[in-house]
Amino acid sequence: MGAAGTYYEIRIHNHLDDSWHVWFDGMTITHDPNGETVLTGWVVDQSALYGLLERVRDLNLKLISVRQDPVP
């Protein structure tokens, strides 16, 4: 784990508007051509990761995957 935490990729079904990055703690939002939204960024700790996943749940979004990535 780096000084800023761990780098994660979270995939969600359908495209989210870029303005949602604030709701997801400033994570980068990209749109795959297959219709998925990919959130990427540093997550401080497990608690913060669970908080992000709770937001996905609270927004009734379909979670596709969560993956710890090597440093980009």
C-alpha atoms as a PDB file:
ATOM      1  CA  MET A   1       0.000   0.000   0.000  1.00  0.00           C
ATOM      2  CA  GLY A   2       1.358   3.421  -0.981  1.00  0.00           C
ATOM      3  CA  ALA A   3       1.391   6.561   1.147  1.00  0.00           C
ATOM      4  CA  ALA A   4      -1.974   7.573  -0.308  1.00  0.00           C
ATOM      5  CA  GLY A   5      -3.555   4.135   0.099  1.00  0.00           C
ATOM      6  CA  THR A   6      -4.329   1.529  -2.530  1.00  0.00           C
ATOM      7  CA  TYR A   7      -5.265   2.123  -6.169  1.00  0.00           C
ATOM      8  CA  TYR A   8      -8.623   0.590  -7.164  1.00  0.00           C
ATOM      9  CA  GLU A   9     -10.732   0.093 -10.255  1.00  0.00           C
ATOM     10  CA  ILE A  10     -14.491  -0.151  -9.661  1.00  0.00           C
ATOM     11  CA  ARG A  11     -16.720  -1.072 -12.607  1.00  0.00           C
ATOM     12  CA  ILE A  12     -20.396  -0.124 -12.699  1.00  0.00           C
ATOM     13  CA  HIS A  13     -23.088  -0.992 -15.226  1.00  0.00           C
ATOM     14  CA  ASN A  14     -24.193   1.972 -17.376  1.00  0.00           C
ATOM     15  CA  HIS A  15     -22.552   5.350 -17.750  1.00  0.00           C
ATOM     16  CA  LEU A  16     -22.493   7.830 -14.863  1.00  0.00           C
ATOM     17  CA  ASP A  17     -22.227  11.549 -15.511  1.00  0.00           C
ATOM     18  CA  ASP A  18     -18.736  12.945 -14.860  1.00  0.00           C
ATOM     19  CA  SER A  19     -20.139  15.227 -12.146  1.00  0.00           C
ATOM     20  CA  TRP A  20     -20.500  12.175  -9.868  1.00  0.00           C
ATOM     21  CA  HIS A  21     -16.734  12.153  -9.212  1.00  0.00           C
ATOM     22  CA  VAL A  22     -17.395  14.407  -6.193  1.00  0.00           C
ATOM     23  CA  TRP A  23     -19.765  11.811  -4.737  1.00  0.00           C
ATOM     24  CA  PHE A  24     -17.098   9.161  -5.247  1.00  0.00           C
ATOM     25  CA  ASP A  25     -14.335  11.013  -3.375  1.00  0.00           C
ATOM     26  CA  GLY A  26     -12.757  12.492  -6.512  1.00  0.00           C
ATOM     27  CA  MET A  27     -12.149   9.182  -8.254  1.00  0.00           C
ATOM     28  CA  THR A  28     -11.633   9.416 -12.003  1.00  0.00           C
ATOM     29  CA  ILE A  29     -14.698   8.468 -14.039  1.00  0.00           C
ATOM     30  CA  THR A  30     -14.229   6.967 -17.492  1.00  0.00           C
ATOM     31  CA  HIS A  31     -16.754   5.403 -19.832  1.00  0.00           C
ATOM     32  CA  ASP A  32     -16.003   2.166 -21.629  1.00  0.00           C
ATOM     33  CA  PRO A  33     -17.595   1.704 -25.057  1.00  0.00           C
ATOM     34  CA  ASN A  34     -19.314  -1.425 -23.679  1.00  0.00           C
ATOM     35  CA  GLY A  35     -21.559   0.779 -21.524  1.00  0.00           C
ATOM     36  CA  GLU A  36     -19.686   0.469 -18.235  1.00  0.00           C
ATOM     37  CA  THR A  37     -18.440   3.253 -15.999  1.00  0.00           C
ATOM     38  CA  VAL A  38     -14.969   2.744 -14.563  1.00  0.00           C
ATOM     39  CA  LEU A  39     -14.029   4.536 -11.346  1.00  0.00           C
ATOM     40  CA  THR A  40     -10.296   4.594 -10.657  1.00  0.00           C
ATOM     41  CA  GLY A  41      -8.241   6.182  -7.942  1.00  0.00           C
ATOM     42  CA  TRP A  42      -6.528   5.946  -4.604  1.00  0.00           C
ATOM     43  CA  VAL A  43      -8.528   4.686  -1.646  1.00  0.00           C
ATOM     44  CA  VAL A  44      -7.068   5.452   1.769  1.00  0.00           C
ATOM     45  CA  ASP A  45      -8.120   2.240   3.544  1.00  0.00           C
ATOM     46  CA  GLN A  46     -10.708  -0.553   3.738  1.00  0.00           C
ATOM     47  CA  SER A  47     -13.191   1.690   5.497  1.00  0.00           C
ATOM     48  CA  ALA A  48     -13.050   4.216   2.661  1.00  0.00           C
ATOM     49  CA  LEU A  49     -13.482   1.408   0.111  1.00  0.00           C
ATOM     50  CA  TYR A  50     -16.579   0.167   1.935  1.00  0.00           C
ATOM     51  CA  GLY A  51     -17.895   3.744   1.927  1.00  0.00           C
ATOM     52  CA  LEU A  52     -17.537   3.922  -1.863  1.00  0.00           C
ATOM     53  CA  LEU A  53     -19.289   0.574  -2.269  1.00  0.00           C
ATOM     54  CA  GLU A  54     -22.103   1.722   0.027  1.00  0.00           C
ATOM     55  CA  ARG A  55     -22.620   4.730  -2.263  1.00  0.00           C
ATOM     56  CA  VAL A  56     -22.868   2.403  -5.252  1.00  0.00           C
ATOM     57  CA  ARG A  57     -25.494   0.424  -3.335  1.00  0.00           C
ATOM     58  CA  ASP A  58     -27.358   3.523  -2.100  1.00  0.00           C
ATOM     59  CA  LEU A  59     -27.603   4.833  -5.683  1.00  0.00           C
ATOM     60  CA  ASN A  60     -28.987   1.449  -6.740  1.00  0.00           C
ATOM     61  CA  LEU A  61     -26.174   1.011  -9.262  1.00  0.00           C
ATOM     62  CA  LYS A  62     -25.178  -2.411 -10.533  1.00  0.00           C
ATOM     63  CA  LEU A  63     -21.654  -3.234  -9.362  1.00  0.00           C
ATOM     64  CA  ILE A  64     -19.710  -5.293 -11.884  1.00  0.00           C
ATOM     65  CA  SER A  65     -16.303  -5.601 -10.252  1.00  0.00           C
ATOM     66  CA  VAL A  66     -13.839  -4.191  -7.742  1.00  0.00           C
ATOM     67  CA  ARG A  67     -10.170  -4.705  -8.468  1.00  0.00           C
ATOM     68  CA  GLN A  68      -7.029  -3.605  -6.719  1.00  0.00           C
ATOM     69  CA  ASP A  69      -4.724  -2.292  -9.441  1.00  0.00           C
ATOM     70  CA  PRO A  70      -1.005  -1.876  -9.493  1.00  0.00           C
ATOM     71  CA  VAL A  71       0.076   1.750  -9.366  1.00  0.00           C
ATOM     72  CA  PRO A  72      -0.773   3.338 -12.747  1.00  0.00           C
END
